[in-house]
Amino acid sequence: MKYFWLFVFMLLSFYCIPQPDISGEWRGVITQNEGGFRSEYKFEMYFVQKGKQLTGRSYVYFDK
């Protein structure tokens, strides 16, 4: 029963507490262990957040 109330609290907090807006451009590097095609890839993610709806696109590339 204790876990039930914890679950209910977590569920309600997700819907009641405003979430931070992560809209914008995010960039980084993805690494891979030896044996793959490349050891490092660059990636970009573009997000648009409107309320609780999050949409966007992403790109992964190497070299140019």
Protein backbone atom coordinates (compact mmCIF):
# COMPACT_ATOMS: atom_id res chain seq x y z
CA MET A 1 0.00 0.00 0.00
CA LYS A 2 2.93 2.32 0.73
CA TYR A 3 4.19 1.93 -2.85
CA PHE A 4 0.73 2.64 -4.24
CA TRP A 5 0.66 6.09 -2.61
CA LEU A 6 4.21 6.77 -3.77
CA PHE A 7 3.17 5.91 -7.33
CA VAL A 8 0.08 8.14 -7.09
CA PHE A 9 2.18 11.03 -5.76
CA MET A 10 4.73 10.67 -8.57
CA LEU A 11 2.00 10.46 -11.19
CA LEU A 12 0.23 13.57 -9.89
CA SER A 13 3.46 15.53 -9.58
CA PHE A 14 4.24 14.81 -13.23
CA TYR A 15 0.94 16.34 -14.34
CA CYS A 16 0.65 19.14 -11.76
CA ILE A 17 4.18 20.56 -11.48
CA PRO A 18 5.25 22.70 -14.44
CA GLN A 19 8.02 21.06 -16.45
CA PRO A 20 11.04 23.10 -17.59
CA ASP A 21 10.97 24.27 -21.20
CA ILE A 22 13.75 22.53 -23.14
CA SER A 23 13.02 24.22 -26.48
CA GLY A 24 16.08 25.05 -28.52
CA GLU A 25 19.11 23.58 -30.20
CA TRP A 26 21.14 20.90 -28.43
CA ARG A 27 24.48 19.58 -29.73
CA GLY A 28 26.81 16.87 -28.58
CA VAL A 29 28.96 13.88 -29.43
CA ILE A 30 28.03 10.19 -29.46
CA THR A 31 30.89 7.77 -28.86
CA GLN A 32 31.11 4.10 -29.76
CA ASN A 33 33.43 1.30 -28.68
CA GLU A 34 36.00 -0.14 -31.04
CA GLY A 35 34.66 -2.28 -33.88
CA GLY A 36 32.00 0.12 -35.09
CA PHE A 37 32.03 2.18 -38.27
CA ARG A 38 33.26 5.29 -36.43
CA SER A 39 34.37 5.95 -32.87
CA GLU A 40 32.67 9.34 -32.71
CA TYR A 41 29.59 10.98 -34.26
CA LYS A 42 28.32 14.53 -33.88
CA PHE A 43 24.62 15.04 -33.30
CA GLU A 44 22.15 17.90 -33.17
CA MET A 45 18.64 17.97 -31.73
CA TYR A 46 16.08 20.71 -32.21
CA PHE A 47 13.13 20.83 -29.81
CA VAL A 48 9.94 22.89 -29.67
CA GLN A 49 7.93 22.55 -26.48
CA LYS A 50 4.37 23.86 -26.19
CA GLY A 51 2.99 23.01 -22.78
CA LYS A 52 3.41 19.26 -22.35
CA GLN A 53 3.83 18.59 -26.08
CA LEU A 54 7.40 18.14 -27.31
CA THR A 55 8.30 17.89 -30.99
CA GLY A 56 11.57 18.12 -32.84
CA ARG A 57 14.12 16.61 -35.15
CA SER A 58 17.62 15.22 -34.84
CA TYR A 59 20.68 14.74 -37.01
CA VAL A 60 23.70 12.48 -36.63
CA TYR A 61 26.72 13.02 -38.83
CA PHE A 62 30.49 12.73 -39.12
CA ASP A 63 33.03 14.80 -41.03
CA LYS A 64 30.97 17.25 -43.09
